[in-house]
C-alpha atoms as a PDB file:
ATOM      1  CA  MET A   1      94.578 108.396  95.368  1.00  0.00           C
ATOM      2  CA  THR A   2      92.325 105.532  96.132  1.00  0.00           C
ATOM      3  CA  TRP A   3      93.598 102.784  98.341  1.00  0.00           C
ATOM      4  CA  SER A   4      91.831  99.495  98.981  1.00  0.00           C
ATOM      5  CA  ALA A   5      92.117  96.306 101.018  1.00  0.00           C
ATOM      6  CA  LEU A   6      92.172  94.433  97.666  1.00  0.00           C
ATOM      7  CA  ASN A   7      95.058  95.096  95.139  1.00  0.00           C
ATOM      8  CA  ALA A   8      93.804  93.603  92.038  1.00  0.00           C
ATOM      9  CA  ILE A   9      96.678  92.692  89.985  1.00  0.00           C
ATOM     10  CA  VAL A  10      95.693  92.449  86.271  1.00  0.00           C
ATOM     11  CA  ASP A  11      98.421  90.136  84.569  1.00  0.00           C
ATOM     12  CA  ALA A  12      98.438  89.853  80.863  1.00  0.00           C
ATOM     13  CA  GLU A  13      99.581  86.220  80.997  1.00  0.00           C
ATOM     14  CA  ALA A  14      97.066  85.111  83.400  1.00  0.00           C
ATOM     15  CA  ALA A  15      94.265  87.025  81.758  1.00  0.00           C
ATOM     16  CA  GLY A  16      95.261  85.349  78.497  1.00  0.00           C
ATOM     17  CA  ARG A  17      95.148  81.732  80.013  1.00  0.00           C
ATOM     18  CA  ALA A  18      91.587  82.656  81.155  1.00  0.00           C
ATOM     19  CA  GLY A  19      90.766  83.809  77.636  1.00  0.00           C
ATOM     20  CA  LEU A  20      90.692  87.420  78.451  1.00  0.00           C
ATOM     21  CA  THR A  21      92.626  90.447  77.099  1.00  0.00           C
ATOM     22  CA  LEU A  22      94.449  92.589  79.434  1.00  0.00           C
ATOM     23  CA  GLY A  23      91.791  95.290  79.007  1.00  0.00           C
ATOM     24  CA  GLU A  24      88.864  92.948  79.395  1.00  0.00           C
ATOM     25  CA  ALA A  25      90.335  91.570  82.814  1.00  0.00           C
ATOM     26  CA  ALA A  26      90.818  95.163  84.047  1.00  0.00           C
ATOM     27  CA  SER A  27      87.364  96.230  82.997  1.00  0.00           C
ATOM     28  CA  ALA A  28      85.883  93.073  84.899  1.00  0.00           C
ATOM     29  CA  CYS A  29      87.768  94.054  87.975  1.00  0.00           C
ATOM     30  CA  LEU A  30      86.677  97.604  87.893  1.00  0.00           C
ATOM     31  CA  GLU A  31      82.966  96.466  87.315  1.00  0.00           C
ATOM     32  CA  GLY A  32      83.365  94.291  90.526  1.00  0.00           C
ATOM     33  CA  GLY A  33      84.375  97.343  92.463  1.00  0.00           C
ATOM     34  CA  ALA A  34      88.087  97.152  92.367  1.00  0.00           C
ATOM     35  CA  ARG A  35      89.497 100.651  93.009  1.00  0.00           C
ATOM     36  CA  PHE A  36      93.280  99.710  93.115  1.00  0.00           C
ATOM     37  CA  LEU A  37      94.647  97.873  90.151  1.00  0.00           C
ATOM     38  CA  GLN A  38      98.167  96.871  89.341  1.00  0.00           C
ATOM     39  CA  ILE A  39      98.667  96.246  85.598  1.00  0.00           C
ATOM     40  CA  ARG A  40     101.518  93.642  84.867  1.00  0.00           C
ATOM     41  CA  ALA A  41     102.510  92.696  81.416  1.00  0.00           C
ATOM     42  CA  LYS A  42     106.006  91.352  81.311  1.00  0.00           C
ATOM     43  CA  ASP A  43     106.114  90.200  77.883  1.00  0.00           C
ATOM     44  CA  VAL A  44     104.095  92.867  76.086  1.00  0.00           C
ATOM     45  CA  PRO A  45     106.099  95.349  73.956  1.00  0.00           C
ATOM     46  CA  GLY A  46     106.449  98.729  75.360  1.00  0.00           C
ATOM     47  CA  GLY A  47     104.365 100.487  72.751  1.00  0.00           C
ATOM     48  CA  ARG A  48     101.417  98.185  72.914  1.00  0.00           C
ATOM     49  CA  PHE A  49     101.539  98.324  76.802  1.00  0.00           C
ATOM     50  CA  LEU A  50     101.556 102.029  76.709  1.00  0.00           C
ATOM     51  CA  ARG A  51      98.409 102.045  74.732  1.00  0.00           C
ATOM     52  CA  GLU A  52      96.604  99.366  76.763  1.00  0.00           C
ATOM     53  CA  ALA A  53      97.558 100.850  79.930  1.00  0.00           C
ATOM     54  CA  SER A  54      96.378 104.374  78.770  1.00  0.00           C
ATOM     55  CA  ALA A  55      93.008 102.862  78.033  1.00  0.00           C
ATOM     56  CA  ILE A  56      92.766 101.154  81.349  1.00  0.00           C
ATOM     57  CA  ILE A  57      93.698 104.243  83.128  1.00  0.00           C
ATOM     58  CA  ALA A  58      90.980 106.178  81.327  1.00  0.00           C
ATOM     59  CA  GLU A  59      88.363 103.661  82.210  1.00  0.00           C
ATOM     60  CA  ALA A  60      89.595 103.629  85.986  1.00  0.00           C
ATOM     61  CA  ASP A  61      89.603 107.416  86.057  1.00  0.00           C
ATOM     62  CA  ARG A  62      85.953 107.531  85.329  1.00  0.00           C
ATOM     63  CA  VAL A  63      85.201 105.391  88.519  1.00  0.00           C
ATOM     64  CA  GLY A  64      87.927 106.857  90.734  1.00  0.00           C
ATOM     65  CA  ALA A  65      90.063 103.879  90.759  1.00  0.00           C
ATOM     66  CA  THR A  66      93.876 104.160  90.997  1.00  0.00           C
ATOM     67  CA  VAL A  67      96.047 102.147  88.575  1.00  0.00           C
ATOM     68  CA  ILE A  68      99.701 101.189  89.288  1.00  0.00           C
ATOM     69  CA  ILE A  69     102.018  99.962  86.484  1.00  0.00           C
ATOM     70  CA  ASN A  70     104.359  96.864  87.364  1.00  0.00           C
ATOM     71  CA  ASP A  71     108.073  97.559  86.618  1.00  0.00           C
ATOM     72  CA  ARG A  72     107.662 100.196  83.788  1.00  0.00           C
ATOM     73  CA  ALA A  73     108.335 103.612  85.263  1.00  0.00           C
ATOM     74  CA  ASP A  74     108.270 105.100  81.882  1.00  0.00           C
ATOM     75  CA  VAL A  75     105.054 103.591  80.822  1.00  0.00           C
ATOM     76  CA  ALA A  76     103.499 104.800  84.155  1.00  0.00           C
ATOM     77  CA  ARG A  77     104.621 108.392  83.582  1.00  0.00           C
ATOM     78  CA  LEU A  78     103.558 108.531  79.998  1.00  0.00           C
ATOM     79  CA  ALA A  79     100.131 106.809  80.728  1.00  0.00           C
ATOM     80  CA  ARG A  80      99.633 109.250  83.706  1.00  0.00           C
ATOM     81  CA  ALA A  81      99.126 106.320  86.054  1.00  0.00           C
ATOM     82  CA  GLY A  82      98.915 106.534  89.725  1.00  0.00           C
ATOM     83  CA  GLY A  83     102.166 105.033  90.303  1.00  0.00           C
ATOM     84  CA  VAL A  84     104.531 102.166  89.802  1.00  0.00           C
ATOM     85  CA  HIS A  85     105.489  98.848  91.486  1.00  0.00           C
ATOM     86  CA  VAL A  86     109.061  97.463  91.296  1.00  0.00           C
ATOM     87  CA  GLY A  87     110.680  94.292  92.557  1.00  0.00           C
ATOM     88  CA  GLN A  88     114.061  93.636  93.934  1.00  0.00           C
ATOM     89  CA  ASP A  89     115.673  93.173  90.399  1.00  0.00           C
ATOM     90  CA  ASP A  90     114.009  96.168  88.900  1.00  0.00           C
ATOM     91  CA  LEU A  91     114.932  99.884  88.750  1.00  0.00           C
ATOM     92  CA  ASP A  92     115.882 101.070  92.243  1.00  0.00           C
ATOM     93  CA  PRO A  93     112.949 102.847  93.884  1.00  0.00           C
ATOM     94  CA  ALA A  94     114.998 106.181  94.107  1.00  0.00           C
ATOM     95  CA  PHE A  95     115.246 106.319  90.349  1.00  0.00           C
ATOM     96  CA  VAL A  96     111.623 105.234  89.953  1.00  0.00           C
ATOM     97  CA  ARG A  97     110.553 108.123  92.031  1.00  0.00           C
ATOM     98  CA  ARG A  98     112.803 110.679  89.932  1.00  0.00           C
ATOM     99  CA  ILE A  99     110.954 109.349  86.850  1.00  0.00           C
ATOM    100  CA  VAL A 100     107.275 109.348  88.287  1.00  0.00           C
ATOM    101  CA  GLY A 101     107.650 112.298  90.560  1.00  0.00           C
ATOM    102  CA  ALA A 102     106.505 113.057  94.109  1.00  0.00           C
ATOM    103  CA  PRO A 103     102.642 112.666  93.510  1.00  0.00           C
ATOM    104  CA  ALA A 104     102.923 109.164  92.225  1.00  0.00           C
ATOM    105  CA  MET A 105     102.840 106.207  94.552  1.00  0.00           C
ATOM    106  CA  VAL A 106     105.551 103.746  94.501  1.00  0.00           C
ATOM    107  CA  GLY A 107     105.456 100.171  95.674  1.00  0.00           C
ATOM    108  CA  TYR A 108     108.496  97.794  96.345  1.00  0.00           C
ATOM    109  CA  SER A 109     108.493  93.900  96.641  1.00  0.00           C
ATOM    110  CA  THR A 110     110.290  92.345  99.619  1.00  0.00           C
ATOM    111  CA  HIS A 111     110.969  88.604 100.463  1.00  0.00           C
ATOM    112  CA  THR A 112     112.952  88.842 103.603  1.00  0.00           C
ATOM    113  CA  ILE A 113     113.177  90.792 106.843  1.00  0.00           C
ATOM    114  CA  GLU A 114     116.295  92.361 105.643  1.00  0.00           C
ATOM    115  CA  GLN A 115     114.627  93.536 102.407  1.00  0.00           C
ATOM    116  CA  VAL A 116     111.792  95.000 104.361  1.00  0.00           C
ATOM    117  CA  GLU A 117     114.350  96.938 106.432  1.00  0.00           C
ATOM    118  CA  ALA A 118     116.113  98.145 103.281  1.00  0.00           C
ATOM    119  CA  ALA A 119     112.640  99.291 101.788  1.00  0.00           C
ATOM    120  CA  LEU A 120     111.817 101.331 104.818  1.00  0.00           C
ATOM    121  CA  GLU A 121     114.796 103.634 103.746  1.00  0.00           C
ATOM    122  CA  ALA A 122     113.683 103.809 100.201  1.00  0.00           C
ATOM    123  CA  PRO A 123     111.294 106.667  98.852  1.00  0.00           C
ATOM    124  CA  VAL A 124     108.253 104.321  98.637  1.00  0.00           C
ATOM    125  CA  ASP A 125     104.662 104.494  99.736  1.00  0.00           C
ATOM    126  CA  TYR A 126     104.065 100.812 100.382  1.00  0.00           C
ATOM    127  CA  ILE A 127     105.928  97.607 100.794  1.00  0.00           C
ATOM    128  CA  ALA A 128     104.854  94.169  99.478  1.00  0.00           C
ATOM    129  CA  VAL A 129     105.712  91.089 101.228  1.00  0.00           C
ATOM    130  CA  GLY A 130     105.593  87.600  99.778  1.00  0.00           C
ATOM    131  CA  PRO A 131     105.055  85.168  98.587  1.00  0.00           C
ATOM    132  CA  VAL A 132     102.953  84.406 101.783  1.00  0.00           C
ATOM    133  CA  TYR A 133     101.984  81.019 100.484  1.00  0.00           C
ATOM    134  CA  GLY A 134     103.287  78.875  97.578  1.00  0.00           C
ATOM    135  CA  THR A 135     102.148  80.216  94.273  1.00  0.00           C
ATOM    136  CA  ALA A 136     102.402  79.118  90.656  1.00  0.00           C
ATOM    137  CA  THR A 137     101.373  82.434  89.025  1.00  0.00           C
ATOM    138  CA  LYS A 138     104.536  84.465  89.796  1.00  0.00           C
ATOM    139  CA  ALA A 139     108.084  83.023  90.084  1.00  0.00           C
ATOM    140  CA  THR A 140     109.903  85.057  92.822  1.00  0.00           C
ATOM    141  CA  GLY A 141     112.744  82.620  93.637  1.00  0.00           C
ATOM    142  CA  TYR A 142     111.795  82.716  97.132  1.00  0.00           C
ATOM    143  CA  GLU A 143     110.109  80.080  99.372  1.00  0.00           C
ATOM    144  CA  ALA A 144     106.833  80.994 100.893  1.00  0.00           C
ATOM    145  CA  VAL A 145     107.316  83.426 103.762  1.00  0.00           C
ATOM    146  CA  GLY A 146     104.184  82.653 105.755  1.00  0.00           C
ATOM    147  CA  LEU A 147     102.193  84.977 107.988  1.00  0.00           C
ATOM    148  CA  ALA A 148     105.106  85.709 110.550  1.00  0.00           C
ATOM    149  CA  LEU A 149     106.796  87.957 107.969  1.00  0.00           C
ATOM    150  CA  VAL A 150     103.541  89.655 107.230  1.00  0.00           C
ATOM    151  CA  ARG A 151     103.117  90.415 110.895  1.00  0.00           C
ATOM    152  CA  GLU A 152     106.709  91.674 111.460  1.00  0.00           C
ATOM    153  CA  GLY A 153     106.723  93.484 108.204  1.00  0.00           C
ATOM    154  CA  ALA A 154     103.424  95.266 108.960  1.00  0.00           C
ATOM    155  CA  ARG A 155     104.756  96.227 112.407  1.00  0.00           C
ATOM    156  CA  ARG A 156     107.827  97.780 110.996  1.00  0.00           C
ATOM    157  CA  ALA A 157     106.128  99.459 108.165  1.00  0.00           C
ATOM    158  CA  HIS A 158     103.377 100.877 110.135  1.00  0.00           C
ATOM    159  CA  ALA A 159     105.931 102.490 112.489  1.00  0.00           C
ATOM    160  CA  ARG A 160     107.204 104.387 109.575  1.00  0.00           C
ATOM    161  CA  GLY A 161     103.875 105.362 108.276  1.00  0.00           C
ATOM    162  CA  LEU A 162     103.993 102.998 105.348  1.00  0.00           C
ATOM    163  CA  LYS A 163     101.407 100.476 104.241  1.00  0.00           C
ATOM    164  CA  LEU A 164     102.067  96.811 103.805  1.00  0.00           C
ATOM    165  CA  VAL A 165     100.554  94.520 101.029  1.00  0.00           C
ATOM    166  CA  ALA A 166     100.725  90.765 101.241  1.00  0.00           C
ATOM    167  CA  ILE A 167     101.091  88.765  97.930  1.00  0.00           C
ATOM    168  CA  GLY A 168     101.553  85.215  96.792  1.00  0.00           C
ATOM    169  CA  GLY A 169      99.131  82.361  96.845  1.00  0.00           C
ATOM    170  CA  ILE A 170      96.383  84.280  98.533  1.00  0.00           C
ATOM    171  CA  THR A 171      92.913  83.144  97.881  1.00  0.00           C
ATOM    172  CA  LEU A 172      89.486  84.061  99.303  1.00  0.00           C
ATOM    173  CA  ASP A 173      89.730  81.449 101.982  1.00  0.00           C
ATOM    174  CA  ARG A 174      93.055  82.808 103.175  1.00  0.00           C
ATOM    175  CA  ALA A 175      92.579  86.482 102.793  1.00  0.00           C
ATOM    176  CA  SER A 176      91.031  87.007 106.260  1.00  0.00           C
ATOM    177  CA  ASP A 177      94.138  85.445 108.096  1.00  0.00           C
ATOM    178  CA  VAL A 178      96.415  87.692 106.049  1.00  0.00           C
ATOM    179  CA  LEU A 179      94.538  90.852 106.810  1.00  0.00           C
ATOM    180  CA  GLY A 180      94.333  89.695 110.378  1.00  0.00           C
ATOM    181  CA  ALA A 181      98.100  89.345 110.457  1.00  0.00           C
ATOM    182  CA  GLY A 182      98.368  93.060 109.940  1.00  0.00           C
ATOM    183  CA  ALA A 183      98.486  93.563 106.052  1.00  0.00           C
ATOM    184  CA  ASP A 184      96.787  96.696 104.901  1.00  0.00           C
ATOM    185  CA  ALA A 185      95.894  94.972 101.616  1.00  0.00           C
ATOM    186  CA  VAL A 186      96.032  91.643  99.783  1.00  0.00           C
ATOM    187  CA  ALA A 187      97.323  91.527  96.240  1.00  0.00           C
ATOM    188  CA  VAL A 188      95.577  88.857  94.120  1.00  0.00           C
ATOM    189  CA  ILE A 189      96.496  87.597  90.706  1.00  0.00           C
ATOM    190  CA  GLY A 190      95.189  84.037  89.985  1.00  0.00           C
ATOM    191  CA  ASP A 191      92.370  83.767  92.467  1.00  0.00           C
ATOM    192  CA  LEU A 192      90.493  86.666  90.770  1.00  0.00           C
ATOM    193  CA  LEU A 193      90.254  84.422  87.496  1.00  0.00           C
ATOM    194  CA  ALA A 194      89.803  81.186  89.293  1.00  0.00           C
ATOM    195  CA  THR A 195      85.997  81.011  88.936  1.00  0.00           C
ATOM    196  CA  GLY A 196      85.691  82.533  85.394  1.00  0.00           C
ATOM    197  CA  ASP A 197      83.836  85.586  86.905  1.00  0.00           C
ATOM    198  CA  PRO A 198      86.489  88.120  88.072  1.00  0.00           C
ATOM    199  CA  ALA A 199      83.733  90.719  88.608  1.00  0.00           C
ATOM    200  CA  GLY A 200      82.074  88.368  91.111  1.00  0.00           C
ATOM    201  CA  ARG A 201      85.406  87.354  92.715  1.00  0.00           C
ATOM    202  CA  VAL A 202      86.353  91.005  93.334  1.00  0.00           C
ATOM    203  CA  ARG A 203      83.049  91.744  94.961  1.00  0.00           C
ATOM    204  CA  ALA A 204      83.689  88.691  97.362  1.00  0.00           C
ATOM    205  CA  TYR A 205      87.110  89.916  98.316  1.00  0.00           C
ATOM    206  CA  LEU A 206      85.779  93.377  98.923  1.00  0.00           C
ATOM    207  CA  SER A 207      82.902  92.036 101.066  1.00  0.00           C
ATOM    208  CA  LEU A 208      85.360  89.914 103.051  1.00  0.00           C
ATOM    209  CA  SER A 209      87.741  92.825 103.633  1.00  0.00           C
ATOM    210  CA  ARG A 210      84.959  94.836 105.025  1.00  0.00           C
ATOM    211  CA  ARG A 211      84.248  92.224 107.691  1.00  0.00           C
ATOM    212  CA  SER A 212      87.843  91.624 108.534  1.00  0.00           C
END
């Protein structure tokens, strides 16, 4: 599977606010060079989400990109996605692993050092930490954790051979600091759409990550 220092999160609601469909937003990210996408569609009915995810995955396969499905392990398996990402209030990662199988990638969101520690014992491939900064895109119920938790989370994750992804309020101006704190990747939602040119924004992030 392809890993990238940019985890491009394609969110249906955020895409809609930008005047794009889920598929259009994903296509723009792939055009810009994104090779690790997370597809998020909280309010889209399951059948429609499966169809849209399957189309995105087919497009991603043509360029060697990995697609992770947010929350929906069933959709991830049926659409033959690269894996699934779950949060603290979603299906337990152990059950997710049973659904998607050993080859698939499983990611798990954490917001405190205690949650990071618990995640290290779960059958996951990477841990997400956040929100690093304040964000209006995704309500987590947690205050911004700052770079300190990124540093400590990365140290503990790397000791177990896991990757750490930082998420929450990350912009192009902040990404270098986050990667410098030890994150293996930054997960970005809103800032990819901020300029009206998601493909160009993805290119900018990838260029920055190569310099970090």
